[in-house]
N, C-alpha and C. Protein backbone atom coordinates (compact mmCIF):
# COMPACT_ATOMS: atom_id res chain seq x y z
N MET A 1 46.49 18.52 16.52
CA MET A 1 45.71 17.46 15.69
C MET A 1 45.68 16.24 16.58
N THR A 2 44.61 15.66 16.66
CA THR A 2 44.35 14.21 17.61
C THR A 2 44.58 13.16 16.72
N THR A 3 45.08 12.08 16.98
CA THR A 3 45.25 11.01 16.29
C THR A 3 43.85 10.28 16.34
N ARG A 4 43.97 9.10 15.55
CA ARG A 4 42.68 8.16 15.62
C ARG A 4 42.37 7.56 16.91
N SER A 5 43.59 7.11 17.35
CA SER A 5 43.30 6.55 18.96
C SER A 5 43.10 7.52 20.17
N GLU A 6 43.61 8.66 20.03
CA GLU A 6 43.23 9.76 20.82
C GLU A 6 41.49 10.23 20.71
N TRP A 7 41.32 10.22 19.51
CA TRP A 7 39.76 10.53 19.25
C TRP A 7 39.08 9.39 19.89
N ARG A 8 39.37 8.25 19.51
CA ARG A 8 38.38 7.02 19.93
C ARG A 8 38.50 7.08 21.75
N ASP A 9 39.60 7.07 22.07
CA ASP A 9 39.55 7.30 23.55
C ASP A 9 38.74 8.48 24.23
N ASP A 10 38.55 9.57 23.43
CA ASP A 10 37.84 10.66 24.12
C ASP A 10 36.40 10.40 24.11
N VAL A 11 35.95 9.72 22.75
CA VAL A 11 34.61 9.27 22.70
C VAL A 11 34.40 8.03 23.74
N VAL A 12 35.06 7.15 23.69
CA VAL A 12 34.93 6.04 24.87
C VAL A 12 34.79 6.66 26.32
N ALA A 13 35.65 7.75 26.32
CA ALA A 13 35.25 8.26 27.99
C ALA A 13 34.22 8.96 28.11
N MET A 14 33.32 9.36 26.90
CA MET A 14 31.99 10.14 27.08
C MET A 14 30.97 9.12 27.17
N ILE A 15 31.03 7.80 26.84
CA ILE A 15 30.06 6.72 26.95
C ILE A 15 29.16 6.91 28.15
N PRO A 16 29.72 6.81 29.21
CA PRO A 16 28.74 7.11 30.67
C PRO A 16 27.99 8.24 30.62
N ALA A 17 28.46 9.50 30.21
CA ALA A 17 27.55 10.60 30.02
C ALA A 17 26.49 10.38 28.97
N LEU A 18 26.88 9.80 27.84
CA LEU A 18 25.92 9.68 26.95
C LEU A 18 24.72 8.68 27.31
N ARG A 19 25.31 7.54 27.78
CA ARG A 19 24.01 6.72 28.55
C ARG A 19 23.23 7.30 29.39
N ALA A 20 23.80 8.11 30.33
CA ALA A 20 22.98 9.08 31.26
C ALA A 20 21.89 9.99 30.36
N PHE A 21 22.28 10.53 29.53
CA PHE A 21 21.55 11.43 28.65
C PHE A 21 20.53 10.52 27.87
N ALA A 22 20.97 9.66 27.30
CA ALA A 22 19.93 8.72 26.71
C ALA A 22 18.91 8.14 27.67
N TRP A 23 19.27 7.75 28.71
CA TRP A 23 18.29 7.53 29.66
C TRP A 23 17.32 8.43 30.03
N SER A 24 17.78 9.48 30.28
CA SER A 24 16.93 10.63 30.71
C SER A 24 15.84 10.98 29.64
N LEU A 25 16.09 10.64 28.18
CA LEU A 25 15.36 11.00 27.23
C LEU A 25 14.27 9.74 26.98
N CYS A 26 14.91 8.26 27.11
CA CYS A 26 14.28 7.27 26.74
C CYS A 26 13.39 6.69 28.13
N HIS A 27 14.13 6.85 29.22
CA HIS A 27 13.30 6.49 30.56
C HIS A 27 13.34 4.69 30.19
N ASN A 28 14.29 3.89 29.64
CA ASN A 28 14.25 2.68 29.60
C ASN A 28 15.85 2.39 29.18
N GLY A 29 16.36 1.38 30.05
CA GLY A 29 17.80 1.24 29.75
C GLY A 29 18.13 0.54 28.53
N SER A 30 17.29 -0.49 28.17
CA SER A 30 17.42 -1.00 26.45
C SER A 30 17.51 0.05 25.70
N ASP A 31 16.38 0.80 25.66
CA ASP A 31 16.45 1.80 24.57
C ASP A 31 17.58 2.92 24.69
N ALA A 32 18.05 3.10 25.69
CA ALA A 32 19.16 3.96 26.00
C ALA A 32 20.40 3.42 25.33
N ASP A 33 20.63 2.04 25.80
CA ASP A 33 21.86 1.63 25.17
C ASP A 33 21.70 1.47 23.76
N ASP A 34 20.53 1.27 23.17
CA ASP A 34 20.41 1.40 21.58
C ASP A 34 20.65 2.68 20.93
N LEU A 35 20.27 3.72 21.78
CA LEU A 35 20.15 5.16 21.43
C LEU A 35 21.76 5.61 21.39
N VAL A 36 22.54 5.15 22.35
CA VAL A 36 24.04 5.24 22.30
C VAL A 36 24.81 4.84 21.45
N GLN A 37 24.45 3.28 21.34
CA GLN A 37 25.03 2.63 20.16
C GLN A 37 24.77 3.34 18.68
N ASP A 38 23.65 3.80 18.53
CA ASP A 38 23.30 4.45 17.47
C ASP A 38 24.26 5.82 17.19
N THR A 39 24.25 6.43 18.30
CA THR A 39 25.09 7.57 18.30
C THR A 39 26.66 7.45 18.11
N LEU A 40 27.34 6.28 18.66
CA LEU A 40 28.53 6.09 18.45
C LEU A 40 28.56 5.75 16.97
N ILE A 41 27.87 4.78 16.43
CA ILE A 41 27.97 4.54 15.04
C ILE A 41 28.19 5.59 14.02
N LYS A 42 27.03 6.56 14.32
CA LYS A 42 27.14 7.83 13.51
C LYS A 42 28.33 8.84 13.80
N ALA A 43 28.81 8.83 15.16
CA ALA A 43 29.86 9.70 15.25
C ALA A 43 31.18 9.12 14.66
N TRP A 44 31.38 7.78 14.66
CA TRP A 44 32.51 7.18 14.14
C TRP A 44 32.43 7.46 12.62
N ALA A 45 31.01 7.12 11.99
CA ALA A 45 31.13 7.21 10.42
C ALA A 45 31.35 8.83 9.95
N ASN A 46 30.92 9.75 10.86
CA ASN A 46 31.14 11.06 10.45
C ASN A 46 32.41 11.75 11.19
N LYS A 47 33.50 10.99 11.65
CA LYS A 47 34.37 11.51 12.54
C LYS A 47 35.17 12.69 11.79
N ASP A 48 35.30 12.52 10.59
CA ASP A 48 35.85 13.50 9.40
C ASP A 48 34.98 14.95 9.44
N LYS A 49 33.77 15.04 10.00
CA LYS A 49 33.24 16.03 10.04
C LYS A 49 33.29 16.84 11.33
N PHE A 50 33.84 16.02 12.45
CA PHE A 50 34.24 16.73 13.59
C PHE A 50 35.45 17.78 13.62
N GLU A 51 35.21 18.91 14.01
CA GLU A 51 36.35 19.65 13.72
C GLU A 51 37.32 19.84 15.10
N PRO A 52 38.57 19.36 14.83
CA PRO A 52 39.42 19.26 15.97
C PRO A 52 39.41 20.50 16.92
N GLY A 53 39.50 20.50 18.38
CA GLY A 53 39.50 21.81 19.17
C GLY A 53 38.04 22.25 19.49
N SER A 54 37.20 21.41 18.95
CA SER A 54 35.71 21.87 19.13
C SER A 54 35.25 21.08 20.36
N ASN A 55 34.02 21.30 20.87
CA ASN A 55 33.53 20.37 21.84
C ASN A 55 32.92 19.24 21.32
N LEU A 56 33.70 17.97 21.80
CA LEU A 56 33.47 16.75 21.43
C LEU A 56 32.13 16.30 22.17
N ARG A 57 32.06 16.71 23.35
CA ARG A 57 30.64 16.33 24.12
C ARG A 57 29.63 16.90 23.49
N ALA A 58 29.56 18.28 23.22
CA ALA A 58 28.54 18.89 22.41
C ALA A 58 28.22 18.21 21.30
N TRP A 59 29.15 17.67 20.66
CA TRP A 59 28.77 17.02 19.40
C TRP A 59 28.18 15.79 19.45
N LEU A 60 28.61 14.92 20.57
CA LEU A 60 28.21 13.75 20.64
C LEU A 60 26.77 13.68 21.34
N PHE A 61 26.45 14.75 22.11
CA PHE A 61 25.18 14.99 22.67
C PHE A 61 24.29 15.47 21.57
N THR A 62 24.74 16.34 20.82
CA THR A 62 23.67 16.62 19.58
C THR A 62 23.30 15.37 18.63
N ILE A 63 24.28 14.55 18.43
CA ILE A 63 23.98 13.41 17.42
C ILE A 63 23.01 12.66 18.22
N LEU A 64 23.26 12.53 19.43
CA LEU A 64 22.26 11.58 20.34
C LEU A 64 20.85 12.12 20.34
N ARG A 65 20.81 13.42 20.74
CA ARG A 65 19.49 14.26 20.69
C ARG A 65 18.66 14.06 19.36
N ASN A 66 19.65 14.36 18.23
CA ASN A 66 18.63 14.49 17.12
C ASN A 66 18.40 12.76 16.56
N THR A 67 19.48 12.05 16.82
CA THR A 67 18.93 10.60 16.58
C THR A 67 17.66 10.37 17.45
N TYR A 68 17.50 10.63 18.71
CA TYR A 68 16.35 10.32 19.77
C TYR A 68 14.94 11.01 18.91
N TYR A 69 15.06 12.13 18.65
CA TYR A 69 14.20 12.92 18.00
C TYR A 69 13.55 12.27 16.71
N THR A 70 14.65 11.84 15.96
CA THR A 70 14.26 11.23 14.52
C THR A 70 13.54 9.98 14.85
N ASN A 71 14.09 9.22 15.82
CA ASN A 71 13.46 8.07 16.12
C ASN A 71 11.94 8.22 16.85
N VAL A 72 11.86 9.31 17.65
CA VAL A 72 10.52 9.51 18.09
C VAL A 72 9.32 9.87 16.82
N VAL A 73 9.78 10.72 16.05
CA VAL A 73 9.05 10.96 14.61
C VAL A 73 8.58 9.95 13.87
N ARG A 74 9.67 8.90 13.63
CA ARG A 74 9.40 7.83 13.00
C ARG A 74 8.52 6.62 13.59
N ARG A 75 8.49 6.60 15.10
CA ARG A 75 7.60 5.79 15.81
C ARG A 75 6.36 6.44 15.79
N ARG A 76 6.15 7.74 15.71
CA ARG A 76 4.87 7.99 15.56
C ARG A 76 3.85 7.72 14.39
N ARG A 77 4.77 7.33 13.12
CA ARG A 77 4.08 6.77 12.27
C ARG A 77 4.01 5.42 11.98
N GLU A 78 4.67 4.97 13.15
CA GLU A 78 4.45 3.12 13.15
C GLU A 78 3.38 3.05 14.12
N VAL A 79 2.87 1.57 13.88
CA VAL A 79 1.75 1.11 14.79
C VAL A 79 2.51 0.13 15.67
N ARG A 80 2.21 0.12 16.86
CA ARG A 80 3.16 -1.08 17.71
C ARG A 80 2.08 -2.32 17.67
N ASP A 81 2.53 -3.27 17.11
CA ASP A 81 1.94 -4.45 17.07
C ASP A 81 2.60 -5.85 17.16
N GLU A 82 3.05 -6.19 18.19
CA GLU A 82 4.00 -6.96 18.61
C GLU A 82 3.40 -8.41 18.33
N ASP A 83 2.01 -8.47 18.40
CA ASP A 83 1.37 -9.86 18.27
C ASP A 83 0.71 -9.95 16.81
N GLY A 84 0.76 -9.12 16.13
CA GLY A 84 0.33 -9.10 14.73
C GLY A 84 -1.40 -9.03 14.64
N ASP A 85 -2.04 -8.55 15.63
CA ASP A 85 -3.27 -8.34 15.68
C ASP A 85 -3.87 -7.31 14.50
N TYR A 86 -3.21 -6.09 14.89
CA TYR A 86 -3.46 -5.13 13.75
C TYR A 86 -3.17 -5.48 12.24
N ALA A 87 -2.14 -6.19 12.20
CA ALA A 87 -1.86 -6.40 10.82
C ALA A 87 -2.86 -7.38 10.21
N ARG A 88 -3.24 -8.29 11.07
CA ARG A 88 -4.40 -9.28 10.75
C ARG A 88 -5.75 -8.57 10.10
N MET A 89 -5.82 -7.47 10.88
CA MET A 89 -7.05 -6.78 10.24
C MET A 89 -6.92 -6.08 8.99
N LEU A 90 -5.84 -5.66 8.78
CA LEU A 90 -5.65 -4.79 7.53
C LEU A 90 -5.68 -5.86 6.31
N LYS A 91 -6.49 -5.25 5.49
CA LYS A 91 -6.86 -6.26 4.14
C LYS A 91 -6.87 -5.28 2.95
N SER A 92 -6.28 -5.75 1.89
CA SER A 92 -6.16 -5.06 0.57
C SER A 92 -6.88 -6.00 -0.38
N PRO A 93 -7.69 -5.40 -1.19
CA PRO A 93 -8.36 -6.45 -2.04
C PRO A 93 -7.29 -6.61 -3.23
N PRO A 94 -7.31 -7.83 -3.61
CA PRO A 94 -6.37 -8.48 -4.57
C PRO A 94 -6.55 -7.51 -5.87
N THR A 95 -5.46 -7.36 -6.36
CA THR A 95 -5.35 -6.40 -7.66
C THR A 95 -4.97 -7.41 -9.06
N GLN A 96 -4.42 -8.76 -8.61
CA GLN A 96 -4.28 -9.44 -9.92
C GLN A 96 -5.36 -9.58 -10.67
N ASP A 97 -6.63 -9.90 -10.02
CA ASP A 97 -7.65 -10.26 -10.83
C ASP A 97 -7.91 -9.17 -11.78
N TRP A 98 -7.65 -7.66 -11.61
CA TRP A 98 -8.08 -6.75 -12.38
C TRP A 98 -7.27 -6.75 -13.52
N SER A 99 -5.63 -7.00 -13.04
CA SER A 99 -4.59 -6.98 -14.06
C SER A 99 -5.00 -8.03 -15.18
N VAL A 100 -5.33 -9.21 -14.66
CA VAL A 100 -5.53 -10.37 -15.37
C VAL A 100 -6.67 -10.11 -16.47
N ALA A 101 -7.75 -9.52 -15.93
CA ALA A 101 -9.07 -9.07 -16.78
C ALA A 101 -8.57 -8.22 -17.67
N LEU A 102 -7.88 -7.17 -17.32
CA LEU A 102 -7.62 -6.07 -18.17
C LEU A 102 -6.66 -6.62 -19.17
N HIS A 103 -5.81 -7.58 -19.16
CA HIS A 103 -4.92 -8.12 -20.18
C HIS A 103 -5.86 -8.96 -20.90
N ALA A 104 -6.69 -9.70 -20.42
CA ALA A 104 -7.80 -10.54 -21.50
C ALA A 104 -8.66 -9.49 -22.04
N LEU A 105 -8.89 -8.41 -21.71
CA LEU A 105 -9.63 -7.30 -22.29
C LEU A 105 -8.78 -6.73 -23.60
N GLN A 106 -7.54 -6.50 -23.46
CA GLN A 106 -6.85 -6.05 -24.48
C GLN A 106 -6.59 -7.15 -25.63
N ILE A 107 -6.53 -8.42 -25.06
CA ILE A 107 -6.47 -9.30 -25.96
C ILE A 107 -7.79 -9.46 -26.78
N GLY A 108 -8.87 -9.34 -26.29
CA GLY A 108 -10.12 -9.79 -26.62
C GLY A 108 -10.10 -8.55 -27.88
N LEU A 109 -9.84 -7.39 -27.22
CA LEU A 109 -10.19 -6.28 -28.49
C LEU A 109 -9.10 -6.34 -29.62
N ALA A 110 -8.03 -6.82 -29.35
CA ALA A 110 -7.01 -6.77 -30.55
C ALA A 110 -7.62 -7.90 -31.33
N GLN A 111 -8.33 -8.96 -30.92
CA GLN A 111 -9.08 -9.82 -32.08
C GLN A 111 -10.32 -9.61 -32.63
N LEU A 112 -11.02 -8.35 -32.36
CA LEU A 112 -12.05 -8.01 -32.86
C LEU A 112 -11.61 -7.36 -34.37
N PRO A 113 -12.56 -7.44 -35.53
CA PRO A 113 -12.44 -6.77 -36.54
C PRO A 113 -12.24 -5.26 -36.26
N ASP A 114 -11.42 -4.54 -37.17
CA ASP A 114 -11.22 -3.04 -36.84
C ASP A 114 -12.43 -2.12 -36.81
N GLU A 115 -13.58 -2.30 -37.79
CA GLU A 115 -14.89 -1.48 -37.68
C GLU A 115 -15.50 -1.97 -36.34
N HIS A 116 -15.52 -3.09 -35.69
CA HIS A 116 -16.30 -3.64 -34.51
C HIS A 116 -15.57 -2.96 -33.12
N ARG A 117 -14.29 -3.06 -33.17
CA ARG A 117 -13.44 -2.53 -32.12
C ARG A 117 -13.57 -1.07 -32.12
N GLU A 118 -13.61 -0.26 -33.27
CA GLU A 118 -13.70 1.15 -33.25
C GLU A 118 -15.00 1.49 -32.72
N ALA A 119 -16.25 0.50 -33.22
CA ALA A 119 -17.40 0.92 -32.74
C ALA A 119 -17.69 0.82 -31.40
N LEU A 120 -17.23 -0.34 -30.81
CA LEU A 120 -17.24 -0.65 -29.40
C LEU A 120 -16.54 0.35 -28.53
N ILE A 121 -15.45 0.86 -28.78
CA ILE A 121 -14.51 1.67 -28.05
C ILE A 121 -15.22 3.36 -28.30
N LEU A 122 -15.74 3.55 -29.44
CA LEU A 122 -16.60 4.72 -29.50
C LEU A 122 -17.50 5.07 -28.53
N VAL A 123 -18.45 4.03 -28.67
CA VAL A 123 -19.69 3.73 -27.67
C VAL A 123 -19.54 3.36 -26.27
N GLY A 124 -18.91 2.34 -26.01
CA GLY A 124 -18.32 1.71 -24.77
C GLY A 124 -17.56 2.52 -23.98
N ALA A 125 -16.43 2.88 -24.65
CA ALA A 125 -15.27 3.41 -23.75
C ALA A 125 -15.42 5.00 -23.83
N ALA A 126 -15.51 5.56 -24.92
CA ALA A 126 -15.44 7.01 -25.05
C ALA A 126 -16.72 7.68 -24.83
N GLY A 127 -17.90 6.99 -24.53
CA GLY A 127 -19.32 7.20 -24.21
C GLY A 127 -19.85 8.05 -25.01
N LEU A 128 -19.52 7.86 -26.36
CA LEU A 128 -20.43 8.78 -27.31
C LEU A 128 -21.68 7.88 -27.67
N SER A 129 -22.64 8.60 -28.21
CA SER A 129 -23.86 8.13 -28.50
C SER A 129 -23.81 7.13 -30.07
N TYR A 130 -24.80 6.33 -30.13
CA TYR A 130 -24.74 5.60 -31.30
C TYR A 130 -24.79 6.51 -32.64
N GLU A 131 -25.33 7.76 -32.44
CA GLU A 131 -25.37 8.85 -33.61
C GLU A 131 -24.24 9.43 -33.94
N GLU A 132 -23.59 9.80 -32.62
CA GLU A 132 -22.02 10.56 -32.82
C GLU A 132 -21.19 9.44 -33.41
N ALA A 133 -21.07 8.25 -32.90
CA ALA A 133 -20.24 7.14 -33.45
C ALA A 133 -20.60 6.90 -34.93
N ALA A 134 -21.81 6.71 -35.39
CA ALA A 134 -22.07 6.48 -36.73
C ALA A 134 -21.69 7.48 -37.56
N GLU A 135 -21.85 8.91 -37.19
CA GLU A 135 -21.41 10.22 -37.98
C GLU A 135 -19.61 10.09 -38.05
N ILE A 136 -18.93 9.86 -36.89
CA ILE A 136 -17.60 9.71 -37.07
C ILE A 136 -17.44 8.67 -38.17
N CYS A 137 -17.82 7.27 -38.04
CA CYS A 137 -17.48 6.12 -38.94
C CYS A 137 -17.84 6.29 -40.21
N GLY A 138 -18.87 7.20 -40.11
CA GLY A 138 -19.25 7.50 -41.79
C GLY A 138 -20.50 6.26 -42.36
N CYS A 139 -21.14 5.95 -41.28
CA CYS A 139 -21.89 4.71 -41.62
C CYS A 139 -23.34 4.98 -41.20
N ALA A 140 -24.40 4.13 -41.53
CA ALA A 140 -25.68 4.22 -40.80
C ALA A 140 -25.62 3.83 -39.54
N LEU A 141 -26.84 4.65 -38.81
CA LEU A 141 -26.92 4.24 -37.32
C LEU A 141 -27.31 2.70 -36.97
N GLY A 142 -28.19 1.99 -37.71
CA GLY A 142 -28.21 0.58 -37.70
C GLY A 142 -27.03 0.05 -37.82
N THR A 143 -26.00 0.41 -38.57
CA THR A 143 -24.78 -0.40 -38.82
C THR A 143 -23.80 -0.21 -37.47
N ILE A 144 -23.95 0.92 -36.88
CA ILE A 144 -23.16 1.01 -35.78
C ILE A 144 -23.66 0.23 -34.69
N LYS A 145 -24.98 0.25 -34.51
CA LYS A 145 -25.49 -0.76 -33.51
C LYS A 145 -25.40 -1.92 -33.49
N SER A 146 -25.27 -2.48 -34.84
CA SER A 146 -24.84 -3.87 -35.13
C SER A 146 -23.55 -4.11 -34.71
N ARG A 147 -22.85 -3.20 -35.36
CA ARG A 147 -21.15 -3.36 -34.85
C ARG A 147 -20.78 -3.49 -33.50
N VAL A 148 -21.47 -2.75 -32.82
CA VAL A 148 -21.39 -2.70 -31.11
C VAL A 148 -21.77 -3.88 -30.61
N ASN A 149 -23.05 -4.32 -31.01
CA ASN A 149 -23.62 -5.42 -30.62
C ASN A 149 -22.81 -6.85 -30.64
N ARG A 150 -22.28 -6.79 -31.90
CA ARG A 150 -21.50 -7.79 -32.34
C ARG A 150 -20.21 -7.96 -31.59
N ALA A 151 -19.77 -6.69 -31.66
CA ALA A 151 -18.43 -6.60 -30.75
C ALA A 151 -18.52 -7.13 -29.22
N ARG A 152 -19.72 -6.51 -28.56
CA ARG A 152 -20.01 -7.05 -27.23
C ARG A 152 -19.92 -8.37 -27.28
N ALA A 153 -20.59 -8.91 -28.04
CA ALA A 153 -20.78 -10.56 -27.91
C ALA A 153 -19.63 -11.42 -28.38
N ARG A 154 -19.00 -10.80 -29.25
CA ARG A 154 -17.74 -11.45 -29.49
C ARG A 154 -16.58 -11.21 -28.54
N LEU A 155 -16.57 -10.16 -27.85
CA LEU A 155 -15.60 -9.98 -26.93
C LEU A 155 -15.69 -10.81 -25.78
N LEU A 156 -17.19 -10.81 -25.39
CA LEU A 156 -17.63 -11.75 -24.19
C LEU A 156 -17.10 -13.36 -24.39
N LYS A 157 -17.70 -13.61 -25.73
CA LYS A 157 -16.98 -14.98 -25.98
C LYS A 157 -15.63 -15.09 -25.96
N ILE A 158 -14.95 -14.21 -26.40
CA ILE A 158 -13.15 -14.33 -26.60
C ILE A 158 -12.96 -14.26 -24.94
N MET A 159 -13.56 -13.51 -24.13
CA MET A 159 -12.87 -13.44 -22.71
C MET A 159 -13.71 -14.65 -21.80
N ASP A 160 -14.17 -15.57 -22.57
CA ASP A 160 -14.91 -16.58 -21.83
C ASP A 160 -15.96 -16.14 -20.63
N ALA A 161 -16.63 -15.23 -21.16
CA ALA A 161 -17.81 -14.90 -20.23
C ALA A 161 -19.00 -16.07 -20.00
N GLY A 162 -18.95 -16.90 -21.11
CA GLY A 162 -20.03 -17.73 -21.16
C GLY A 162 -21.38 -17.44 -21.40
N ASP A 163 -21.81 -16.22 -21.25
CA ASP A 163 -23.13 -16.13 -21.60
C ASP A 163 -23.35 -15.18 -22.79
N ALA A 164 -22.56 -14.92 -23.54
CA ALA A 164 -22.28 -14.54 -24.93
C ALA A 164 -22.48 -15.42 -25.95
N THR A 165 -23.55 -15.24 -27.02
CA THR A 165 -23.52 -16.08 -28.40
C THR A 165 -23.02 -15.21 -29.14
N ASP A 166 -22.43 -15.70 -30.09
CA ASP A 166 -21.89 -15.18 -31.50
C ASP A 166 -22.89 -15.73 -32.52
N VAL A 167 -24.10 -15.84 -32.27
CA VAL A 167 -25.15 -16.41 -33.29
C VAL A 167 -26.15 -15.37 -33.31
N MET A 168 -26.36 -14.89 -35.00
CA MET A 168 -27.42 -14.16 -35.01
C MET A 168 -28.96 -14.62 -34.75
N ALA A 169 -29.80 -13.69 -34.60
CA ALA A 169 -31.18 -14.18 -34.31
C ALA A 169 -32.02 -15.29 -35.34
N ASP A 170 -31.24 -15.22 -36.63
CA ASP A 170 -31.94 -16.51 -37.52
C ASP A 170 -30.95 -17.71 -37.18
N GLY A 171 -30.27 -17.78 -36.49
CA GLY A 171 -29.26 -19.01 -36.04
C GLY A 171 -28.04 -18.96 -36.99
N ALA A 172 -28.04 -18.00 -37.84
CA ALA A 172 -26.50 -18.10 -38.65
C ALA A 172 -25.37 -17.74 -37.77
N PRO A 173 -24.46 -18.39 -37.89
CA PRO A 173 -23.19 -17.58 -37.24
C PRO A 173 -22.83 -16.24 -37.50
N ALA A 174 -22.25 -15.39 -36.54
CA ALA A 174 -22.41 -14.10 -36.71
C ALA A 174 -21.19 -13.86 -37.82
N SER A 175 -20.19 -14.78 -37.82
CA SER A 175 -19.22 -14.54 -38.57
C SER A 175 -19.52 -14.33 -40.02
N ASP A 176 -20.53 -15.03 -40.49
CA ASP A 176 -21.07 -14.84 -41.85
C ASP A 176 -21.74 -13.49 -42.03
N ALA A 177 -21.83 -12.73 -41.15
CA ALA A 177 -22.40 -11.36 -41.27
C ALA A 177 -21.47 -10.44 -41.02
N VAL A 178 -20.38 -10.77 -40.55
CA VAL A 178 -19.35 -9.75 -40.03
C VAL A 178 -19.07 -8.77 -41.25
N ASN A 179 -18.72 -9.20 -42.48
CA ASN A 179 -18.52 -8.45 -43.51
C ASN A 179 -19.64 -7.60 -44.19
N SER A 180 -20.83 -7.65 -43.86
CA SER A 180 -21.70 -7.00 -44.54
C SER A 180 -21.99 -6.13 -43.53
N ALA A 181 -21.65 -5.95 -42.35
CA ALA A 181 -22.02 -4.87 -41.48
C ALA A 181 -20.88 -3.59 -41.69
């Protein structure tokens, strides 16, 4: 059984051979030194997995080789962009606007009277015809059309769309007619 210092000395003695093997893979001194360092860190962290009496050189070279090929695969997925030119070209549309609009829609829908919200969701969101929505709600076709129209106008007003009016054709506020629909 080897002691901790003997194991360390054996690993340190392998550094020149590891560095030569790393250079043969990388063809760059700096990358080879980084690869050897990664190998030594992994070997030290996993020294309990090394079986005494087995070939330390083969074990270390296997760690180095596997680390190298793992890095090669990782680099294939990466884009070299030292100057940031590629990153500047990448754009993603902002998502906050949509989440704000969705939140405003949820708040607006919650403020609608139940029968107006129901009619708007059946026709606008579920895609049902006015006739189908009227049948589901158990009311006349004209009532569903009125509810959907008022719900849309009120929702636009709530959401601050600016072009919606909550005023009926005769000039009376729609809120006067809400209970009649």
